[in-house]
Amino acid sequence: MIEYALQFGFAAASLALLLNLWRLLRGPALMDRVLAVDTMVINIIALIVLAGIHERSTIFFEAALLFAMFGFISTVAYCRFILRGDVIE
């Protein structure tokens, strides 16, 4: 049963990733593109966690945590750059 749930999870996360890619390419405003990239990071984290469950390895969860921290920091830095034109004050 877990295999079917994992397959469904992989399919749903992959579809969401493709839809976010469409929003990234088609987004009318710059902030739409930033939000699309941020949501793509979340979807990639979901794929990493699903791969960890599938492989029964804990290293994937550590990688997902590191990727989440990097994604959050990069989103905040990019938004500050857009608003102020400077990341470091």
C-alpha atoms as a PDB file:
ATOM      1  CA  MET A   1       0.000   0.000   0.000  1.00  0.00           C
ATOM      2  CA  ILE A   2       2.841   2.378   0.762  1.00  0.00           C
ATOM      3  CA  GLU A   3       4.174   1.906  -2.774  1.00  0.00           C
ATOM      4  CA  TYR A   4       0.908   3.171  -4.267  1.00  0.00           C
ATOM      5  CA  ALA A   5       0.948   6.165  -1.936  1.00  0.00           C
ATOM      6  CA  LEU A   6       4.546   6.918  -2.903  1.00  0.00           C
ATOM      7  CA  GLN A   7       3.744   6.679  -6.610  1.00  0.00           C
ATOM      8  CA  PHE A   8       0.797   9.018  -6.153  1.00  0.00           C
ATOM      9  CA  GLY A   9       2.979  11.409  -4.159  1.00  0.00           C
ATOM     10  CA  PHE A  10       5.700  11.402  -6.818  1.00  0.00           C
ATOM     11  CA  ALA A  11       3.101  12.043  -9.534  1.00  0.00           C
ATOM     12  CA  ALA A  12       1.406  14.858  -7.612  1.00  0.00           C
ATOM     13  CA  ALA A  13       4.677  16.586  -6.716  1.00  0.00           C
ATOM     14  CA  SER A  14       5.947  16.248 -10.280  1.00  0.00           C
ATOM     15  CA  LEU A  15       2.739  17.723 -11.677  1.00  0.00           C
ATOM     16  CA  ALA A  16       2.957  20.595  -9.206  1.00  0.00           C
ATOM     17  CA  LEU A  17       6.569  21.164 -10.237  1.00  0.00           C
ATOM     18  CA  LEU A  18       5.559  21.356 -13.900  1.00  0.00           C
ATOM     19  CA  LEU A  19       2.752  23.797 -13.129  1.00  0.00           C
ATOM     20  CA  ASN A  20       5.163  25.967 -11.163  1.00  0.00           C
ATOM     21  CA  LEU A  21       7.570  25.894 -14.093  1.00  0.00           C
ATOM     22  CA  TRP A  22       4.723  27.133 -16.287  1.00  0.00           C
ATOM     23  CA  ARG A  23       4.064  29.980 -13.812  1.00  0.00           C
ATOM     24  CA  LEU A  24       7.766  30.796 -13.762  1.00  0.00           C
ATOM     25  CA  LEU A  25       7.894  31.135 -17.541  1.00  0.00           C
ATOM     26  CA  ARG A  26       4.498  32.763 -17.954  1.00  0.00           C
ATOM     27  CA  GLY A  27       4.215  34.902 -14.800  1.00  0.00           C
ATOM     28  CA  PRO A  28       3.115  38.421 -15.612  1.00  0.00           C
ATOM     29  CA  ALA A  29       5.016  40.055 -12.749  1.00  0.00           C
ATOM     30  CA  LEU A  30       8.398  39.565 -11.152  1.00  0.00           C
ATOM     31  CA  MET A  31       6.880  38.614  -7.799  1.00  0.00           C
ATOM     32  CA  ASP A  32       4.883  35.838  -9.496  1.00  0.00           C
ATOM     33  CA  ARG A  33       8.159  34.401 -10.708  1.00  0.00           C
ATOM     34  CA  VAL A  34       9.735  34.667  -7.243  1.00  0.00           C
ATOM     35  CA  LEU A  35       6.774  32.870  -5.691  1.00  0.00           C
ATOM     36  CA  ALA A  36       6.947  30.199  -8.395  1.00  0.00           C
ATOM     37  CA  VAL A  37      10.616  29.543  -7.617  1.00  0.00           C
ATOM     38  CA  ASP A  38       9.863  29.410  -3.884  1.00  0.00           C
ATOM     39  CA  THR A  39       7.045  26.933  -4.470  1.00  0.00           C
ATOM     40  CA  MET A  40       9.319  24.883  -6.732  1.00  0.00           C
ATOM     41  CA  VAL A  41      11.784  24.609  -3.832  1.00  0.00           C
ATOM     42  CA  ILE A  42       8.983  23.282  -1.630  1.00  0.00           C
ATOM     43  CA  ASN A  43       8.013  20.734  -4.295  1.00  0.00           C
ATOM     44  CA  ILE A  44      11.627  19.597  -4.654  1.00  0.00           C
ATOM     45  CA  ILE A  45      11.789  19.154  -0.881  1.00  0.00           C
ATOM     46  CA  ALA A  46       8.671  16.991  -1.108  1.00  0.00           C
ATOM     47  CA  LEU A  47      10.311  14.875  -3.815  1.00  0.00           C
ATOM     48  CA  ILE A  48      13.445  14.458  -1.688  1.00  0.00           C
ATOM     49  CA  VAL A  49      11.374  13.347   1.311  1.00  0.00           C
ATOM     50  CA  LEU A  50       9.421  10.889  -0.846  1.00  0.00           C
ATOM     51  CA  ALA A  51      12.686   9.501  -2.193  1.00  0.00           C
ATOM     52  CA  GLY A  52      13.883   9.079   1.403  1.00  0.00           C
ATOM     53  CA  ILE A  53      10.769   7.144   2.314  1.00  0.00           C
ATOM     54  CA  HIS A  54      11.135   5.003  -0.793  1.00  0.00           C
ATOM     55  CA  GLU A  55      14.807   4.222  -0.145  1.00  0.00           C
ATOM     56  CA  ARG A  56      14.336   3.937   3.641  1.00  0.00           C
ATOM     57  CA  SER A  57      17.323   6.189   4.260  1.00  0.00           C
ATOM     58  CA  THR A  58      17.599   9.077   6.708  1.00  0.00           C
ATOM     59  CA  ILE A  59      20.201  10.977   4.690  1.00  0.00           C
ATOM     60  CA  PHE A  60      17.464  12.226   2.369  1.00  0.00           C
ATOM     61  CA  PHE A  61      15.685  13.911   5.274  1.00  0.00           C
ATOM     62  CA  GLU A  62      18.847  15.742   6.264  1.00  0.00           C
ATOM     63  CA  ALA A  63      19.304  16.849   2.660  1.00  0.00           C
ATOM     64  CA  ALA A  64      15.695  18.069   2.580  1.00  0.00           C
ATOM     65  CA  LEU A  65      16.271  20.089   5.749  1.00  0.00           C
ATOM     66  CA  LEU A  66      19.385  21.713   4.305  1.00  0.00           C
ATOM     67  CA  PHE A  67      17.584  22.452   1.048  1.00  0.00           C
ATOM     68  CA  ALA A  68      14.684  24.029   2.977  1.00  0.00           C
ATOM     69  CA  MET A  69      17.043  26.331   4.879  1.00  0.00           C
ATOM     70  CA  PHE A  70      18.841  27.328   1.682  1.00  0.00           C
ATOM     71  CA  GLY A  71      15.548  27.940  -0.115  1.00  0.00           C
ATOM     72  CA  PHE A  72      14.221  30.160   2.665  1.00  0.00           C
ATOM     73  CA  ILE A  73      17.405  32.226   2.884  1.00  0.00           C
ATOM     74  CA  SER A  74      17.621  32.661  -0.889  1.00  0.00           C
ATOM     75  CA  THR A  75      13.970  33.735  -1.159  1.00  0.00           C
ATOM     76  CA  VAL A  76      14.360  36.317   1.587  1.00  0.00           C
ATOM     77  CA  ALA A  77      17.586  37.629   0.067  1.00  0.00           C
ATOM     78  CA  TYR A  78      16.058  37.911  -3.404  1.00  0.00           C
ATOM     79  CA  CYS A  79      12.974  39.722  -2.076  1.00  0.00           C
ATOM     80  CA  ARG A  80      15.191  42.161  -0.188  1.00  0.00           C
ATOM     81  CA  PHE A  81      17.170  42.745  -3.363  1.00  0.00           C
ATOM     82  CA  ILE A  82      13.991  43.463  -5.323  1.00  0.00           C
ATOM     83  CA  LEU A  83      12.614  45.844  -2.675  1.00  0.00           C
ATOM     84  CA  ARG A  84      15.806  47.697  -1.710  1.00  0.00           C
ATOM     85  CA  GLY A  85      18.308  46.976  -4.443  1.00  0.00           C
ATOM     86  CA  ASP A  86      20.748  45.770  -1.794  1.00  0.00           C
ATOM     87  CA  VAL A  87      20.985  42.531   0.135  1.00  0.00           C
ATOM     88  CA  ILE A  88      23.546  43.482   2.787  1.00  0.00           C
ATOM     89  CA  GLU A  89      23.159  46.811   4.524  1.00  0.00           C
END
